Amino acid sequence: MTIEEFYATFDPSGNEYANVMGRLATERLVNKYLNKMLDDKSYGNLKQAVADGDYKTAFMASHTIKGICMNLNLKPLADSSDALTEELRNDPDAGKVEELLKQVEKDYEFVTDGIRSIG
């Protein structure tokens, strides 16, 4: 799969691909930063922090994921991590956090599987 095809899996309009190319200019750089996301520890930190009930650490991890995804125009994961970040920001409800984390997990898997399929 090409990088453009990867972005088309969640944005058939091509806007997200165009935006990330406008920001990073070359597919080589986009690929570099997409692959760096695979090595980022924030997702593991998020899951562990939520399991531990450490919502301050969970907030920081979720906020980091959101920022990475916004910079790389990874809209599905940017949106779900944003919703989780906002729930964690002030007096989070444990049930809501768990529900939002499930969507982040689904989107994270979708995005990272897609990144790994870029050839």
C-alpha atoms as a PDB file:
ATOM      1  CA  MET A   1       0.000   0.000   0.000  1.00  0.00           C
ATOM      2  CA  THR A   2       1.232   3.511  -0.759  1.00  0.00           C
ATOM      3  CA  ILE A   3       1.042   6.375   1.704  1.00  0.00           C
ATOM      4  CA  GLU A   4      -1.672   7.996  -0.372  1.00  0.00           C
ATOM      5  CA  GLU A   5      -3.667   4.744  -0.370  1.00  0.00           C
ATOM      6  CA  PHE A   6      -3.224   4.498   3.406  1.00  0.00           C
ATOM      7  CA  TYR A   7      -4.709   7.967   3.911  1.00  0.00           C
ATOM      8  CA  ALA A   8      -7.553   7.099   1.517  1.00  0.00           C
ATOM      9  CA  THR A   9      -8.607   4.243   3.834  1.00  0.00           C
ATOM     10  CA  PHE A  10     -10.026   6.813   6.239  1.00  0.00           C
ATOM     11  CA  ASP A  11     -10.352   9.878   4.008  1.00  0.00           C
ATOM     12  CA  PRO A  12     -11.411   9.075   0.435  1.00  0.00           C
ATOM     13  CA  SER A  13     -11.589  12.811  -0.342  1.00  0.00           C
ATOM     14  CA  GLY A  14      -7.791  13.055  -0.172  1.00  0.00           C
ATOM     15  CA  ASN A  15      -7.847  16.087   2.115  1.00  0.00           C
ATOM     16  CA  GLU A  16      -5.868  14.483   4.948  1.00  0.00           C
ATOM     17  CA  TYR A  17      -3.191  13.270   2.525  1.00  0.00           C
ATOM     18  CA  ALA A  18      -2.995  16.709   0.909  1.00  0.00           C
ATOM     19  CA  ASN A  19      -2.737  18.377   4.303  1.00  0.00           C
ATOM     20  CA  VAL A  20       0.042  16.136   5.582  1.00  0.00           C
ATOM     21  CA  MET A  21       1.929  16.538   2.298  1.00  0.00           C
ATOM     22  CA  GLY A  22       1.500  20.294   2.571  1.00  0.00           C
ATOM     23  CA  ARG A  23       3.008  20.156   6.059  1.00  0.00           C
ATOM     24  CA  LEU A  24       5.845  17.673   5.499  1.00  0.00           C
ATOM     25  CA  ALA A  25       6.389  18.144   1.736  1.00  0.00           C
ATOM     26  CA  THR A  26       7.663  14.643   0.862  1.00  0.00           C
ATOM     27  CA  GLU A  27       6.360  11.127   1.272  1.00  0.00           C
ATOM     28  CA  ARG A  28       9.766  10.169   2.654  1.00  0.00           C
ATOM     29  CA  LEU A  29       9.210  12.492   5.629  1.00  0.00           C
ATOM     30  CA  VAL A  30       5.597  11.401   6.070  1.00  0.00           C
ATOM     31  CA  ASN A  31       6.733   7.763   6.092  1.00  0.00           C
ATOM     32  CA  LYS A  32       9.519   8.566   8.560  1.00  0.00           C
ATOM     33  CA  TYR A  33       7.117  10.156  11.044  1.00  0.00           C
ATOM     34  CA  LEU A  34       4.415   7.538  10.568  1.00  0.00           C
ATOM     35  CA  ASN A  35       6.973   4.873  11.452  1.00  0.00           C
ATOM     36  CA  LYS A  36       8.199   6.859  14.458  1.00  0.00           C
ATOM     37  CA  MET A  37       4.634   6.695  15.742  1.00  0.00           C
ATOM     38  CA  LEU A  38       4.953   2.906  15.898  1.00  0.00           C
ATOM     39  CA  ASP A  39       7.859   3.304  18.339  1.00  0.00           C
ATOM     40  CA  ASP A  40       6.161   5.916  20.525  1.00  0.00           C
ATOM     41  CA  LYS A  41       5.389   4.629  24.031  1.00  0.00           C
ATOM     42  CA  SER A  42       2.341   6.842  24.633  1.00  0.00           C
ATOM     43  CA  TYR A  43      -0.226   4.213  23.696  1.00  0.00           C
ATOM     44  CA  GLY A  44       1.195   1.626  26.091  1.00  0.00           C
ATOM     45  CA  ASN A  45       1.482   4.296  28.765  1.00  0.00           C
ATOM     46  CA  LEU A  46      -2.143   5.280  28.204  1.00  0.00           C
ATOM     47  CA  LYS A  47      -3.459   1.747  28.570  1.00  0.00           C
ATOM     48  CA  GLN A  48      -1.399   1.103  31.699  1.00  0.00           C
ATOM     49  CA  ALA A  49      -2.346   4.424  33.288  1.00  0.00           C
ATOM     50  CA  VAL A  50      -6.067   3.826  32.711  1.00  0.00           C
ATOM     51  CA  ALA A  51      -5.741   0.301  34.130  1.00  0.00           C
ATOM     52  CA  ASP A  52      -4.024   1.789  37.190  1.00  0.00           C
ATOM     53  CA  GLY A  53      -6.599   4.571  37.536  1.00  0.00           C
ATOM     54  CA  ASP A  54      -3.804   7.120  37.060  1.00  0.00           C
ATOM     55  CA  TYR A  55      -5.796   9.647  35.077  1.00  0.00           C
ATOM     56  CA  LYS A  56      -3.128  12.347  35.198  1.00  0.00           C
ATOM     57  CA  THR A  57      -0.663  10.092  33.359  1.00  0.00           C
ATOM     58  CA  ALA A  58      -3.458   8.865  31.093  1.00  0.00           C
ATOM     59  CA  PHE A  59      -4.288  12.476  30.196  1.00  0.00           C
ATOM     60  CA  MET A  60      -0.671  13.199  29.269  1.00  0.00           C
ATOM     61  CA  ALA A  61      -0.412  10.041  27.133  1.00  0.00           C
ATOM     62  CA  SER A  62      -3.744  10.648  25.402  1.00  0.00           C
ATOM     63  CA  HIS A  63      -2.804  14.276  24.744  1.00  0.00           C
ATOM     64  CA  THR A  64       0.494  13.154  23.195  1.00  0.00           C
ATOM     65  CA  ILE A  65      -1.281  10.666  20.922  1.00  0.00           C
ATOM     66  CA  LYS A  66      -3.742  13.365  19.885  1.00  0.00           C
ATOM     67  CA  GLY A  67      -0.897  15.757  19.029  1.00  0.00           C
ATOM     68  CA  ILE A  68       1.018  13.195  16.994  1.00  0.00           C
ATOM     69  CA  CYS A  69      -2.122  12.261  15.086  1.00  0.00           C
ATOM     70  CA  MET A  70      -3.117  15.850  14.426  1.00  0.00           C
ATOM     71  CA  ASN A  71       0.362  16.594  13.050  1.00  0.00           C
ATOM     72  CA  LEU A  72       0.186  13.520  10.811  1.00  0.00           C
ATOM     73  CA  ASN A  73      -3.478  14.067   9.840  1.00  0.00           C
ATOM     74  CA  LEU A  74      -4.529  10.683  11.229  1.00  0.00           C
ATOM     75  CA  LYS A  75      -8.101  11.802  11.729  1.00  0.00           C
ATOM     76  CA  PRO A  76      -9.740   8.694  13.218  1.00  0.00           C
ATOM     77  CA  LEU A  77      -7.207   8.376  16.022  1.00  0.00           C
ATOM     78  CA  ALA A  78      -6.870  12.134  16.434  1.00  0.00           C
ATOM     79  CA  ASP A  79     -10.626  12.392  16.999  1.00  0.00           C
ATOM     80  CA  SER A  80     -10.936   9.494  19.446  1.00  0.00           C
ATOM     81  CA  SER A  81      -7.845  10.482  21.437  1.00  0.00           C
ATOM     82  CA  ASP A  82      -9.152  14.057  21.560  1.00  0.00           C
ATOM     83  CA  ALA A  83     -12.447  12.853  23.055  1.00  0.00           C
ATOM     84  CA  LEU A  84     -10.546  10.801  25.634  1.00  0.00           C
ATOM     85  CA  THR A  85      -8.203  13.690  26.419  1.00  0.00           C
ATOM     86  CA  GLU A  86     -11.148  15.970  27.084  1.00  0.00           C
ATOM     87  CA  GLU A  87     -12.803  13.398  29.356  1.00  0.00           C
ATOM     88  CA  LEU A  88      -9.548  13.008  31.287  1.00  0.00           C
ATOM     89  CA  ARG A  89      -8.959  16.755  31.546  1.00  0.00           C
ATOM     90  CA  ASN A  90     -11.268  17.443  34.513  1.00  0.00           C
ATOM     91  CA  ASP A  91     -12.862  15.045  36.986  1.00  0.00           C
ATOM     92  CA  PRO A  92     -13.064  12.029  34.630  1.00  0.00           C
ATOM     93  CA  ASP A  93     -15.807   9.429  34.907  1.00  0.00           C
ATOM     94  CA  ALA A  94     -14.221   5.945  35.002  1.00  0.00           C
ATOM     95  CA  GLY A  95     -16.986   4.368  32.915  1.00  0.00           C
ATOM     96  CA  LYS A  96     -16.735   7.045  30.251  1.00  0.00           C
ATOM     97  CA  VAL A  97     -12.929   6.757  30.215  1.00  0.00           C
ATOM     98  CA  GLU A  98     -13.176   2.990  29.619  1.00  0.00           C
ATOM     99  CA  GLU A  99     -15.713   3.520  26.825  1.00  0.00           C
ATOM    100  CA  LEU A 100     -13.578   6.168  25.113  1.00  0.00           C
ATOM    101  CA  LEU A 101     -10.438   4.070  25.532  1.00  0.00           C
ATOM    102  CA  LYS A 102     -12.106   1.233  23.602  1.00  0.00           C
ATOM    103  CA  GLN A 103     -12.557   3.570  20.625  1.00  0.00           C
ATOM    104  CA  VAL A 104      -8.943   4.761  20.912  1.00  0.00           C
ATOM    105  CA  GLU A 105      -7.808   1.120  20.940  1.00  0.00           C
ATOM    106  CA  LYS A 106      -9.850   0.361  17.814  1.00  0.00           C
ATOM    107  CA  ASP A 107      -8.554   3.440  15.991  1.00  0.00           C
ATOM    108  CA  TYR A 108      -4.969   2.852  17.128  1.00  0.00           C
ATOM    109  CA  GLU A 109      -5.062  -0.686  15.782  1.00  0.00           C
ATOM    110  CA  PHE A 110      -6.581   0.504  12.482  1.00  0.00           C
ATOM    111  CA  VAL A 111      -3.969   3.241  12.040  1.00  0.00           C
ATOM    112  CA  THR A 112      -0.939   1.207  13.097  1.00  0.00           C
ATOM    113  CA  ASP A 113      -1.983  -1.790  10.975  1.00  0.00           C
ATOM    114  CA  GLY A 114      -2.281   0.611   8.053  1.00  0.00           C
ATOM    115  CA  ILE A 115       1.152   2.123   8.708  1.00  0.00           C
ATOM    116  CA  ARG A 116       2.701  -1.340   8.816  1.00  0.00           C
ATOM    117  CA  SER A 117       1.132  -2.171   5.436  1.00  0.00           C
ATOM    118  CA  ILE A 118       2.801   0.760   3.669  1.00  0.00           C
ATOM    119  CA  GLY A 119       5.364  -0.686   1.325  1.00  0.00           C
END
